[in-house]
Amino acid sequence: MIKEECNRWLAVVNVFAASKNAGAVWKRAAVMLEDAEVPYKASFTGKGDNAAALTFKACAMGYRRFIAVGGDGTVHDVLNGIAEYVNSDKTEKVFLSDFTLAVLPVGSGNDWVKSAGVPSVISDAVRLIAAGKTAVQDVVRVSLGTDVVSYMANIGGVGLDARVCEIVNRQKEQGRRGKKLYIGALLYCIRHRVPVRAEVLCDGKRIFEGKYLSIAIGNGKYSGGGMRQTPLAVMDDGLIDVTVIPDISLWTIARKVPRLFTGTFHQVDELTFARCSRVEVIPAGESDAEPVEVDGEVIGRSPVVFEVLDDKLNIVADA
């Protein structure tokens, strides 16, 4: 390991975040980091490598401290670069706990920073990095069969939740931004809902079986630009919260939607809630396989397993 890289931060700048305005925001943030005497080097997406690939390569160079400059997708990618390196074939043995993740929030949703308690104002986030305040958070491994493995920092979902992400991500590619994207996509998916059947197991125990609309799996509280599907989730307790929305009427859904934004969604009697370290979602048949999203990124279709890893990641947060 190169000592200089070990002591420096690598700022992974997603130039496509914030409708491609992240570069301009980064220029101001870079000055703030320099004024705060935070040692760093910057690496930019858009030249063949995404944030996950840039992070993986930097880990191999000796970097152990990363600043994700972007939104939730950038946080997801940087985490995955770290986790993939930890689990790769290499001569040295490293752990998630050897790494520290900081975030300068530039994206449209910025749900991870809400869940982790990181300031949404760039100057405040820089001061937090300079102050060296850290906490820890769980990392969740997400597996689709034997081929697709992803790592989750905040919240994932199966069904309607993932369909909302598909719509929102397409709109973001067109340059649209804002909380209204999530609300509009949510209402569209609710109106055009197609319930399917699945079995949900938590630590091997069946908590739900039947028709459902959506299943949220939360390490953090916030998703979708401020919605709280798992409002009681704690990011460092070694557990993930599960919220199952069964096949309920449009009228019931319409009455309960406001609770998504007030932190009282767990008080809805019609829903199923659980807390465990391992969640399996098993569709009843091939036609019941639903899209799966992790931190807002759609990675495939069910069946899927979410499992909390034993080791924790260091994060810069005002704990």
C-alpha atoms as a PDB file:
ATOM      1  CA  MET A   1       0.000   0.000   0.000  1.00  0.00           C
ATOM      2  CA  ILE A   2       1.288   3.443  -0.908  1.00  0.00           C
ATOM      3  CA  LYS A   3       1.339   5.568   2.242  1.00  0.00           C
ATOM      4  CA  GLU A   4       0.438   8.827   0.467  1.00  0.00           C
ATOM      5  CA  GLU A   5      -2.738   7.325  -1.032  1.00  0.00           C
ATOM      6  CA  CYS A   6      -3.616   5.819   2.328  1.00  0.00           C
ATOM      7  CA  ASN A   7      -3.646   9.277   3.904  1.00  0.00           C
ATOM      8  CA  ARG A   8      -5.405  11.116   1.077  1.00  0.00           C
ATOM      9  CA  TRP A   9      -9.062  11.199   0.162  1.00  0.00           C
ATOM     10  CA  LEU A  10     -10.112  10.252  -3.347  1.00  0.00           C
ATOM     11  CA  ALA A  11     -13.018  12.398  -4.496  1.00  0.00           C
ATOM     12  CA  VAL A  12     -15.007  10.380  -7.041  1.00  0.00           C
ATOM     13  CA  VAL A  13     -16.891  13.014  -9.019  1.00  0.00           C
ATOM     14  CA  ASN A  14     -19.916  11.891 -11.026  1.00  0.00           C
ATOM     15  CA  VAL A  15     -19.993  14.482 -13.792  1.00  0.00           C
ATOM     16  CA  PHE A  16     -23.485  13.308 -14.830  1.00  0.00           C
ATOM     17  CA  ALA A  17     -25.121  14.063 -11.458  1.00  0.00           C
ATOM     18  CA  ALA A  18     -27.478  17.005 -10.943  1.00  0.00           C
ATOM     19  CA  SER A  19     -28.343  17.237 -14.653  1.00  0.00           C
ATOM     20  CA  LYS A  20     -24.613  17.305 -15.444  1.00  0.00           C
ATOM     21  CA  ASN A  21     -24.067  20.319 -13.162  1.00  0.00           C
ATOM     22  CA  ALA A  22     -21.956  18.326 -10.697  1.00  0.00           C
ATOM     23  CA  GLY A  23     -18.755  19.578 -12.301  1.00  0.00           C
ATOM     24  CA  ALA A  24     -19.582  23.183 -11.494  1.00  0.00           C
ATOM     25  CA  VAL A  25     -20.548  22.272  -7.935  1.00  0.00           C
ATOM     26  CA  TRP A  26     -17.330  20.289  -7.551  1.00  0.00           C
ATOM     27  CA  LYS A  27     -15.197  23.280  -8.506  1.00  0.00           C
ATOM     28  CA  ARG A  28     -16.616  25.198  -5.561  1.00  0.00           C
ATOM     29  CA  ALA A  29     -16.342  22.168  -3.258  1.00  0.00           C
ATOM     30  CA  ALA A  30     -12.700  21.634  -4.261  1.00  0.00           C
ATOM     31  CA  VAL A  31     -11.840  25.149  -3.108  1.00  0.00           C
ATOM     32  CA  MET A  32     -13.601  24.487   0.193  1.00  0.00           C
ATOM     33  CA  LEU A  33     -11.642  21.241   0.714  1.00  0.00           C
ATOM     34  CA  GLU A  34      -8.374  23.053   0.005  1.00  0.00           C
ATOM     35  CA  ASP A  35      -9.269  25.888   2.372  1.00  0.00           C
ATOM     36  CA  ALA A  36     -10.089  23.292   5.030  1.00  0.00           C
ATOM     37  CA  GLU A  37      -6.699  21.619   4.383  1.00  0.00           C
ATOM     38  CA  VAL A  38      -8.280  18.277   3.488  1.00  0.00           C
ATOM     39  CA  PRO A  39      -5.741  16.263   1.424  1.00  0.00           C
ATOM     40  CA  TYR A  40      -7.433  14.834  -1.663  1.00  0.00           C
ATOM     41  CA  LYS A  41      -7.144  13.855  -5.279  1.00  0.00           C
ATOM     42  CA  ALA A  42     -10.096  13.952  -7.705  1.00  0.00           C
ATOM     43  CA  SER A  43     -11.160  11.318 -10.199  1.00  0.00           C
ATOM     44  CA  PHE A  44     -13.951  11.908 -12.719  1.00  0.00           C
ATOM     45  CA  THR A  45     -16.470   9.636 -14.408  1.00  0.00           C
ATOM     46  CA  GLY A  46     -17.241   9.989 -18.079  1.00  0.00           C
ATOM     47  CA  LYS A  47     -13.929   8.807 -19.501  1.00  0.00           C
ATOM     48  CA  GLY A  48     -14.704   5.115 -19.810  1.00  0.00           C
ATOM     49  CA  ASP A  49     -15.056   4.225 -16.115  1.00  0.00           C
ATOM     50  CA  ASN A  50     -18.048   4.690 -13.855  1.00  0.00           C
ATOM     51  CA  ALA A  51     -17.724   5.535 -10.162  1.00  0.00           C
ATOM     52  CA  ALA A  52     -17.576   1.867  -9.118  1.00  0.00           C
ATOM     53  CA  ALA A  53     -14.692   1.094 -11.492  1.00  0.00           C
ATOM     54  CA  LEU A  54     -12.791   4.237 -10.475  1.00  0.00           C
ATOM     55  CA  THR A  55     -13.183   3.316  -6.811  1.00  0.00           C
ATOM     56  CA  PHE A  56     -12.092  -0.294  -7.337  1.00  0.00           C
ATOM     57  CA  LYS A  57      -8.909   0.813  -9.114  1.00  0.00           C
ATOM     58  CA  ALA A  58      -8.197   3.388  -6.407  1.00  0.00           C
ATOM     59  CA  CYS A  59      -8.573   0.729  -3.700  1.00  0.00           C
ATOM     60  CA  ALA A  60      -5.897  -1.321  -5.469  1.00  0.00           C
ATOM     61  CA  MET A  61      -3.646   1.770  -5.475  1.00  0.00           C
ATOM     62  CA  GLY A  62      -3.943   2.065  -1.700  1.00  0.00           C
ATOM     63  CA  TYR A  63      -6.783   4.557  -1.212  1.00  0.00           C
ATOM     64  CA  ARG A  64      -8.916   3.857   1.834  1.00  0.00           C
ATOM     65  CA  ARG A  65     -10.858   7.132   2.140  1.00  0.00           C
ATOM     66  CA  PHE A  66     -13.387   8.156  -0.505  1.00  0.00           C
ATOM     67  CA  ILE A  67     -15.642  11.156  -1.098  1.00  0.00           C
ATOM     68  CA  ALA A  68     -18.645  10.406  -3.306  1.00  0.00           C
ATOM     69  CA  VAL A  69     -19.493  13.618  -5.168  1.00  0.00           C
ATOM     70  CA  GLY A  70     -22.975  13.069  -6.572  1.00  0.00           C
ATOM     71  CA  GLY A  71     -26.326  11.631  -5.578  1.00  0.00           C
ATOM     72  CA  ASP A  72     -27.528   8.288  -4.262  1.00  0.00           C
ATOM     73  CA  GLY A  73     -26.387   6.497  -7.404  1.00  0.00           C
ATOM     74  CA  THR A  74     -22.832   7.736  -6.858  1.00  0.00           C
ATOM     75  CA  VAL A  75     -22.901   6.638  -3.204  1.00  0.00           C
ATOM     76  CA  HIS A  76     -24.101   3.226  -4.388  1.00  0.00           C
ATOM     77  CA  ASP A  77     -21.339   2.957  -6.995  1.00  0.00           C
ATOM     78  CA  VAL A  78     -18.530   4.000  -4.649  1.00  0.00           C
ATOM     79  CA  LEU A  79     -19.737   1.532  -2.026  1.00  0.00           C
ATOM     80  CA  ASN A  80     -19.855  -1.215  -4.653  1.00  0.00           C
ATOM     81  CA  GLY A  81     -16.332  -0.399  -5.810  1.00  0.00           C
ATOM     82  CA  ILE A  82     -15.098  -0.766  -2.225  1.00  0.00           C
ATOM     83  CA  ALA A  83     -17.076  -3.949  -1.514  1.00  0.00           C
ATOM     84  CA  GLU A  84     -16.039  -5.574  -4.787  1.00  0.00           C
ATOM     85  CA  TYR A  85     -12.388  -4.870  -3.973  1.00  0.00           C
ATOM     86  CA  VAL A  86     -12.750  -6.283  -0.463  1.00  0.00           C
ATOM     87  CA  ASN A  87     -14.185  -9.491  -1.949  1.00  0.00           C
ATOM     88  CA  SER A  88     -11.805  -9.736  -4.910  1.00  0.00           C
ATOM     89  CA  ASP A  89      -8.798 -12.016  -5.319  1.00  0.00           C
ATOM     90  CA  LYS A  90      -5.740 -10.121  -4.071  1.00  0.00           C
ATOM     91  CA  THR A  91      -2.645 -10.696  -2.021  1.00  0.00           C
ATOM     92  CA  GLU A  92      -3.568  -8.436   0.913  1.00  0.00           C
ATOM     93  CA  LYS A  93      -6.515  -9.105   3.194  1.00  0.00           C
ATOM     94  CA  VAL A  94      -8.718  -6.049   3.685  1.00  0.00           C
ATOM     95  CA  PHE A  95     -12.065  -5.428   5.327  1.00  0.00           C
ATOM     96  CA  LEU A  96     -14.923  -2.966   4.887  1.00  0.00           C
ATOM     97  CA  SER A  97     -13.899  -1.480   8.231  1.00  0.00           C
ATOM     98  CA  ASP A  98     -10.585  -0.416   6.654  1.00  0.00           C
ATOM     99  CA  PHE A  99     -12.468   2.084   4.475  1.00  0.00           C
ATOM    100  CA  THR A 100     -14.205   5.405   5.093  1.00  0.00           C
ATOM    101  CA  LEU A 101     -16.919   6.932   2.895  1.00  0.00           C
ATOM    102  CA  ALA A 102     -17.847  10.613   2.857  1.00  0.00           C
ATOM    103  CA  VAL A 103     -20.437  12.278   0.629  1.00  0.00           C
ATOM    104  CA  LEU A 104     -20.768  15.707  -0.934  1.00  0.00           C
ATOM    105  CA  PRO A 105     -24.453  15.584  -1.954  1.00  0.00           C
ATOM    106  CA  VAL A 106     -25.009  16.841  -5.486  1.00  0.00           C
ATOM    107  CA  GLY A 107     -27.862  14.601  -6.723  1.00  0.00           C
ATOM    108  CA  SER A 108     -31.582  15.244  -6.896  1.00  0.00           C
ATOM    109  CA  GLY A 109     -32.808  12.881  -4.180  1.00  0.00           C
ATOM    110  CA  ASN A 110     -29.873  12.626  -1.756  1.00  0.00           C
ATOM    111  CA  ASP A 111     -31.680  10.100   0.422  1.00  0.00           C
ATOM    112  CA  TRP A 112     -28.558   8.451   1.836  1.00  0.00           C
ATOM    113  CA  VAL A 113     -27.420  11.706   3.462  1.00  0.00           C
ATOM    114  CA  LYS A 114     -30.848  12.072   5.090  1.00  0.00           C
ATOM    115  CA  SER A 115     -30.658   8.546   6.468  1.00  0.00           C
ATOM    116  CA  ALA A 116     -27.046   8.963   7.645  1.00  0.00           C
ATOM    117  CA  GLY A 117     -27.489  12.459   9.095  1.00  0.00           C
ATOM    118  CA  VAL A 118     -25.039  14.145   6.729  1.00  0.00           C
ATOM    119  CA  PRO A 119     -25.630  17.859   5.966  1.00  0.00           C
ATOM    120  CA  SER A 120     -27.213  18.511   2.579  1.00  0.00           C
ATOM    121  CA  VAL A 121     -25.345  21.832   2.260  1.00  0.00           C
ATOM    122  CA  ILE A 122     -21.963  21.304   0.582  1.00  0.00           C
ATOM    123  CA  SER A 123     -20.038  23.706   2.822  1.00  0.00           C
ATOM    124  CA  ASP A 124     -21.366  21.958   5.941  1.00  0.00           C
ATOM    125  CA  ALA A 125     -20.504  18.544   4.499  1.00  0.00           C
ATOM    126  CA  VAL A 126     -16.952  19.739   3.795  1.00  0.00           C
ATOM    127  CA  ARG A 127     -16.600  20.996   7.373  1.00  0.00           C
ATOM    128  CA  LEU A 128     -17.731  17.585   8.606  1.00  0.00           C
ATOM    129  CA  ILE A 129     -15.033  15.866   6.546  1.00  0.00           C
ATOM    130  CA  ALA A 130     -12.412  18.291   7.830  1.00  0.00           C
ATOM    131  CA  ALA A 131     -13.544  17.698  11.424  1.00  0.00           C
ATOM    132  CA  GLY A 132     -12.983  13.952  11.022  1.00  0.00           C
ATOM    133  CA  LYS A 133     -16.317  12.957  12.548  1.00  0.00           C
ATOM    134  CA  THR A 134     -17.126   9.350  11.724  1.00  0.00           C
ATOM    135  CA  ALA A 135     -19.721   6.699  12.457  1.00  0.00           C
ATOM    136  CA  VAL A 136     -20.329   3.217  11.057  1.00  0.00           C
ATOM    137  CA  GLN A 137     -23.045   1.721   8.905  1.00  0.00           C
ATOM    138  CA  ASP A 138     -24.132  -1.729   7.830  1.00  0.00           C
ATOM    139  CA  VAL A 139     -23.608  -2.927   4.263  1.00  0.00           C
ATOM    140  CA  VAL A 140     -26.161  -5.241   2.668  1.00  0.00           C
ATOM    141  CA  ARG A 141     -25.238  -7.795   0.020  1.00  0.00           C
ATOM    142  CA  VAL A 142     -27.976  -8.305  -2.588  1.00  0.00           C
ATOM    143  CA  SER A 143     -27.916 -11.512  -4.639  1.00  0.00           C
ATOM    144  CA  LEU A 144     -29.950 -12.489  -7.692  1.00  0.00           C
ATOM    145  CA  GLY A 145     -29.255 -16.175  -8.146  1.00  0.00           C
ATOM    146  CA  THR A 146     -25.533 -16.860  -8.559  1.00  0.00           C
ATOM    147  CA  ASP A 147     -24.752 -14.292 -11.255  1.00  0.00           C
ATOM    148  CA  VAL A 148     -25.682 -10.817 -10.003  1.00  0.00           C
ATOM    149  CA  VAL A 149     -24.367  -9.435  -6.717  1.00  0.00           C
ATOM    150  CA  SER A 150     -24.779  -5.831  -5.613  1.00  0.00           C
ATOM    151  CA  TYR A 151     -24.214  -4.004  -2.335  1.00  0.00           C
ATOM    152  CA  MET A 152     -26.749  -1.703  -0.703  1.00  0.00           C
ATOM    153  CA  ALA A 153     -26.087   1.373   1.406  1.00  0.00           C
ATOM    154  CA  ASN A 154     -29.620   2.635   1.972  1.00  0.00           C
ATOM    155  CA  ILE A 155     -32.842   1.072   0.641  1.00  0.00           C
ATOM    156  CA  GLY A 156     -33.890  -1.500  -1.940  1.00  0.00           C
ATOM    157  CA  GLY A 157     -37.204  -2.758  -3.180  1.00  0.00           C
ATOM    158  CA  VAL A 158     -39.092  -5.364  -5.156  1.00  0.00           C
ATOM    159  CA  GLY A 159     -42.183  -4.749  -7.263  1.00  0.00           C
ATOM    160  CA  LEU A 160     -43.898  -1.364  -7.444  1.00  0.00           C
ATOM    161  CA  ASP A 161     -40.980   0.385  -5.741  1.00  0.00           C
ATOM    162  CA  ALA A 162     -38.566  -0.864  -8.412  1.00  0.00           C
ATOM    163  CA  ARG A 163     -40.997   0.041 -11.189  1.00  0.00           C
ATOM    164  CA  VAL A 164     -41.053   3.598  -9.841  1.00  0.00           C
ATOM    165  CA  CYS A 165     -37.248   3.651 -10.035  1.00  0.00           C
ATOM    166  CA  GLU A 166     -37.349   2.462 -13.651  1.00  0.00           C
ATOM    167  CA  ILE A 167     -39.608   5.373 -14.611  1.00  0.00           C
ATOM    168  CA  VAL A 168     -37.676   7.957 -12.591  1.00  0.00           C
ATOM    169  CA  ASN A 169     -34.328   6.822 -13.987  1.00  0.00           C
ATOM    170  CA  ARG A 170     -35.613   7.163 -17.557  1.00  0.00           C
ATOM    171  CA  GLN A 171     -36.821  10.675 -16.779  1.00  0.00           C
ATOM    172  CA  LYS A 172     -33.469  11.579 -15.201  1.00  0.00           C
ATOM    173  CA  GLU A 173     -31.734  10.460 -18.386  1.00  0.00           C
ATOM    174  CA  GLN A 174     -33.895  13.065 -20.147  1.00  0.00           C
ATOM    175  CA  GLY A 175     -32.597  15.745 -17.770  1.00  0.00           C
ATOM    176  CA  ARG A 176     -35.627  15.990 -15.487  1.00  0.00           C
ATOM    177  CA  ARG A 177     -35.122  16.376 -11.722  1.00  0.00           C
ATOM    178  CA  GLY A 178     -37.044  16.967  -8.486  1.00  0.00           C
ATOM    179  CA  LYS A 179     -39.212  15.253  -5.880  1.00  0.00           C
ATOM    180  CA  LYS A 180     -42.251  15.487  -8.175  1.00  0.00           C
ATOM    181  CA  LEU A 181     -40.660  12.847 -10.413  1.00  0.00           C
ATOM    182  CA  TYR A 182     -40.938  10.245  -7.649  1.00  0.00           C
ATOM    183  CA  ILE A 183     -44.459  11.253  -6.637  1.00  0.00           C
ATOM    184  CA  GLY A 184     -45.678  11.239 -10.241  1.00  0.00           C
ATOM    185  CA  ALA A 185     -44.085   7.856 -10.939  1.00  0.00           C
ATOM    186  CA  LEU A 186     -45.505   6.449  -7.700  1.00  0.00           C
ATOM    187  CA  LEU A 187     -49.041   7.558  -8.541  1.00  0.00           C
ATOM    188  CA  TYR A 188     -48.724   6.172 -12.077  1.00  0.00           C
ATOM    189  CA  CYS A 189     -47.539   2.792 -10.815  1.00  0.00           C
ATOM    190  CA  ILE A 190     -50.285   2.655  -8.198  1.00  0.00           C
ATOM    191  CA  ARG A 191     -52.969   3.360 -10.820  1.00  0.00           C
ATOM    192  CA  HIS A 192     -51.511   0.709 -13.146  1.00  0.00           C
ATOM    193  CA  ARG A 193     -50.567  -1.771 -10.424  1.00  0.00           C
ATOM    194  CA  VAL A 194     -50.384  -5.472 -11.245  1.00  0.00           C
ATOM    195  CA  PRO A 195     -50.218  -7.515  -8.012  1.00  0.00           C
ATOM    196  CA  VAL A 196     -48.121 -10.690  -8.127  1.00  0.00           C
ATOM    197  CA  ARG A 197     -47.507 -13.538  -5.697  1.00  0.00           C
ATOM    198  CA  ALA A 198     -44.435 -14.137  -3.577  1.00  0.00           C
ATOM    199  CA  GLU A 199     -43.183 -15.602  -0.328  1.00  0.00           C
ATOM    200  CA  VAL A 200     -41.065 -13.398   1.960  1.00  0.00           C
ATOM    201  CA  LEU A 201     -38.717 -15.021   4.461  1.00  0.00           C
ATOM    202  CA  CYS A 202     -36.927 -13.171   7.265  1.00  0.00           C
ATOM    203  CA  ASP A 203     -34.078 -15.141   8.830  1.00  0.00           C
ATOM    204  CA  GLY A 204     -35.747 -18.252   7.422  1.00  0.00           C
ATOM    205  CA  LYS A 205     -39.197 -17.488   8.890  1.00  0.00           C
ATOM    206  CA  ARG A 206     -42.111 -16.793   6.561  1.00  0.00           C
ATOM    207  CA  ILE A 207     -43.580 -13.354   7.293  1.00  0.00           C
ATOM    208  CA  PHE A 208     -45.734 -13.020   4.168  1.00  0.00           C
ATOM    209  CA  GLU A 209     -47.157 -15.176   1.403  1.00  0.00           C
ATOM    210  CA  GLY A 210     -49.638 -14.031  -1.228  1.00  0.00           C
ATOM    211  CA  LYS A 211     -50.302 -11.152  -3.593  1.00  0.00           C
ATOM    212  CA  TYR A 212     -48.317  -7.969  -3.012  1.00  0.00           C
ATOM    213  CA  LEU A 213     -47.722  -4.591  -4.622  1.00  0.00           C
ATOM    214  CA  SER A 214     -44.321  -3.674  -3.226  1.00  0.00           C
ATOM    215  CA  ILE A 215     -41.653  -4.833  -0.801  1.00  0.00           C
ATOM    216  CA  ALA A 216     -39.174  -2.351   0.688  1.00  0.00           C
ATOM    217  CA  ILE A 217     -35.956  -3.500   2.355  1.00  0.00           C
ATOM    218  CA  GLY A 218     -34.333  -0.698   4.335  1.00  0.00           C
ATOM    219  CA  ASN A 219     -30.946  -0.182   5.911  1.00  0.00           C
ATOM    220  CA  GLY A 220     -31.826   3.529   6.029  1.00  0.00           C
ATOM    221  CA  LYS A 221     -35.054   5.466   6.431  1.00  0.00           C
ATOM    222  CA  TYR A 222     -35.374   7.612   3.303  1.00  0.00           C
ATOM    223  CA  SER A 223     -35.888   6.863  -0.382  1.00  0.00           C
ATOM    224  CA  GLY A 224     -37.568   8.384  -3.412  1.00  0.00           C
ATOM    225  CA  GLY A 225     -36.615  11.965  -2.559  1.00  0.00           C
ATOM    226  CA  GLY A 226     -37.833  11.878   1.050  1.00  0.00           C
ATOM    227  CA  MET A 227     -40.350   9.038   1.341  1.00  0.00           C
ATOM    228  CA  ARG A 228     -39.995   6.813   4.403  1.00  0.00           C
ATOM    229  CA  GLN A 229     -41.010   3.261   3.588  1.00  0.00           C
ATOM    230  CA  THR A 230     -38.911   1.895   6.466  1.00  0.00           C
ATOM    231  CA  PRO A 231     -39.144   4.809   8.924  1.00  0.00           C
ATOM    232  CA  LEU A 232     -37.697   2.953  11.937  1.00  0.00           C
ATOM    233  CA  ALA A 233     -34.590   1.575  10.213  1.00  0.00           C
ATOM    234  CA  VAL A 234     -31.233   2.045  11.964  1.00  0.00           C
ATOM    235  CA  MET A 235     -28.143   2.008   9.759  1.00  0.00           C
ATOM    236  CA  ASP A 236     -25.743   0.350  12.223  1.00  0.00           C
ATOM    237  CA  ASP A 237     -27.858  -2.189  14.139  1.00  0.00           C
ATOM    238  CA  GLY A 238     -26.926  -5.226  12.031  1.00  0.00           C
ATOM    239  CA  LEU A 239     -30.519  -5.548  10.819  1.00  0.00           C
ATOM    240  CA  ILE A 240     -32.672  -4.503   7.883  1.00  0.00           C
ATOM    241  CA  ASP A 241     -36.296  -3.409   8.059  1.00  0.00           C
ATOM    242  CA  VAL A 242     -38.891  -4.939   5.739  1.00  0.00           C
ATOM    243  CA  THR A 243     -42.193  -3.378   4.666  1.00  0.00           C
ATOM    244  CA  VAL A 244     -44.609  -5.437   2.564  1.00  0.00           C
ATOM    245  CA  ILE A 245     -47.528  -3.682   0.878  1.00  0.00           C
ATOM    246  CA  PRO A 246     -50.087  -6.372   0.051  1.00  0.00           C
ATOM    247  CA  ASP A 247     -52.723  -6.200  -2.664  1.00  0.00           C
ATOM    248  CA  ILE A 248     -54.971  -3.532  -1.151  1.00  0.00           C
ATOM    249  CA  SER A 249     -57.564  -1.230  -2.706  1.00  0.00           C
ATOM    250  CA  LEU A 250     -56.770   2.041  -4.446  1.00  0.00           C
ATOM    251  CA  TRP A 251     -58.870   3.862  -1.870  1.00  0.00           C
ATOM    252  CA  THR A 252     -56.827   2.432   1.002  1.00  0.00           C
ATOM    253  CA  ILE A 253     -53.579   3.300  -0.776  1.00  0.00           C
ATOM    254  CA  ALA A 254     -54.738   6.864  -1.437  1.00  0.00           C
ATOM    255  CA  ARG A 255     -55.568   7.358   2.244  1.00  0.00           C
ATOM    256  CA  LYS A 256     -52.241   5.968   3.469  1.00  0.00           C
ATOM    257  CA  VAL A 257     -49.800   7.571   0.978  1.00  0.00           C
ATOM    258  CA  PRO A 258     -49.335  10.749   3.114  1.00  0.00           C
ATOM    259  CA  ARG A 259     -47.861   8.557   5.869  1.00  0.00           C
ATOM    260  CA  LEU A 260     -44.906   7.860   3.564  1.00  0.00           C
ATOM    261  CA  PHE A 261     -43.786  11.450   4.177  1.00  0.00           C
ATOM    262  CA  THR A 262     -44.629  11.801   7.879  1.00  0.00           C
ATOM    263  CA  GLY A 263     -42.609   8.914   9.284  1.00  0.00           C
ATOM    264  CA  THR A 264     -45.743   7.018  10.357  1.00  0.00           C
ATOM    265  CA  PHE A 265     -45.939   4.441   7.560  1.00  0.00           C
ATOM    266  CA  HIS A 266     -45.235   1.679  10.091  1.00  0.00           C
ATOM    267  CA  GLN A 267     -48.578   2.463  11.748  1.00  0.00           C
ATOM    268  CA  VAL A 268     -50.605   1.307   8.724  1.00  0.00           C
ATOM    269  CA  ASP A 269     -52.433  -1.844   9.867  1.00  0.00           C
ATOM    270  CA  GLU A 270     -52.768  -3.357   6.398  1.00  0.00           C
ATOM    271  CA  LEU A 271     -49.002  -3.638   5.908  1.00  0.00           C
ATOM    272  CA  THR A 272     -46.566  -6.309   7.092  1.00  0.00           C
ATOM    273  CA  PHE A 273     -43.398  -5.220   8.898  1.00  0.00           C
ATOM    274  CA  ALA A 274     -40.374  -7.185  10.051  1.00  0.00           C
ATOM    275  CA  ARG A 275     -36.742  -6.716  11.094  1.00  0.00           C
ATOM    276  CA  CYS A 276     -34.040  -9.295  10.458  1.00  0.00           C
ATOM    277  CA  SER A 277     -30.539  -9.830   9.041  1.00  0.00           C
ATOM    278  CA  ARG A 278     -31.514 -11.840   5.936  1.00  0.00           C
ATOM    279  CA  VAL A 279     -34.503 -11.390   3.628  1.00  0.00           C
ATOM    280  CA  GLU A 280     -35.553 -13.667   0.774  1.00  0.00           C
ATOM    281  CA  VAL A 281     -38.231 -12.746  -1.769  1.00  0.00           C
ATOM    282  CA  ILE A 282     -39.335 -15.814  -3.714  1.00  0.00           C
ATOM    283  CA  PRO A 283     -41.856 -15.342  -6.560  1.00  0.00           C
ATOM    284  CA  ALA A 284     -44.610 -17.945  -6.845  1.00  0.00           C
ATOM    285  CA  GLY A 285     -43.761 -18.537 -10.517  1.00  0.00           C
ATOM    286  CA  GLU A 286     -41.861 -17.100 -13.478  1.00  0.00           C
ATOM    287  CA  SER A 287     -44.689 -14.705 -14.287  1.00  0.00           C
ATOM    288  CA  ASP A 288     -44.501 -13.370 -10.715  1.00  0.00           C
ATOM    289  CA  ALA A 289     -40.841 -12.327 -10.994  1.00  0.00           C
ATOM    290  CA  GLU A 290     -40.606  -8.584 -10.346  1.00  0.00           C
ATOM    291  CA  PRO A 291     -37.870  -5.956 -10.863  1.00  0.00           C
ATOM    292  CA  VAL A 292     -35.434  -5.397  -7.988  1.00  0.00           C
ATOM    293  CA  GLU A 293     -33.861  -2.035  -7.172  1.00  0.00           C
ATOM    294  CA  VAL A 294     -30.920  -1.274  -4.900  1.00  0.00           C
ATOM    295  CA  ASP A 295     -30.315   2.341  -3.850  1.00  0.00           C
ATOM    296  CA  GLY A 296     -32.467   3.429  -6.795  1.00  0.00           C
ATOM    297  CA  GLU A 297     -30.633   1.266  -9.365  1.00  0.00           C
ATOM    298  CA  VAL A 298     -32.618  -1.570 -10.999  1.00  0.00           C
ATOM    299  CA  ILE A 299     -30.344  -4.649 -11.029  1.00  0.00           C
ATOM    300  CA  GLY A 300     -32.597  -7.472 -12.270  1.00  0.00           C
ATOM    301  CA  ARG A 301     -35.636  -9.499 -11.249  1.00  0.00           C
ATOM    302  CA  SER A 302     -36.610 -11.667  -8.294  1.00  0.00           C
ATOM    303  CA  PRO A 303     -35.935 -14.094  -6.639  1.00  0.00           C
ATOM    304  CA  VAL A 304     -33.552 -12.058  -4.524  1.00  0.00           C
ATOM    305  CA  VAL A 305     -31.719 -12.259  -1.199  1.00  0.00           C
ATOM    306  CA  PHE A 306     -30.765  -9.248   0.960  1.00  0.00           C
ATOM    307  CA  GLU A 307     -28.234 -10.045   3.697  1.00  0.00           C
ATOM    308  CA  VAL A 308     -26.389  -7.810   6.187  1.00  0.00           C
ATOM    309  CA  LEU A 309     -22.636  -8.372   6.144  1.00  0.00           C
ATOM    310  CA  ASP A 310     -20.756  -8.920   9.406  1.00  0.00           C
ATOM    311  CA  ASP A 311     -18.299  -6.083   8.847  1.00  0.00           C
ATOM    312  CA  LYS A 312     -19.299  -2.401   8.847  1.00  0.00           C
ATOM    313  CA  LEU A 313     -18.190   0.563   6.750  1.00  0.00           C
ATOM    314  CA  ASN A 314     -16.900   3.786   8.297  1.00  0.00           C
ATOM    315  CA  ILE A 315     -18.822   6.869   7.187  1.00  0.00           C
ATOM    316  CA  VAL A 316     -18.323  10.564   7.767  1.00  0.00           C
ATOM    317  CA  ALA A 317     -21.403  11.629   9.700  1.00  0.00           C
ATOM    318  CA  ASP A 318     -22.387  13.899  12.572  1.00  0.00           C
ATOM    319  CA  ALA A 319     -23.151  11.002  14.878  1.00  0.00           C
END
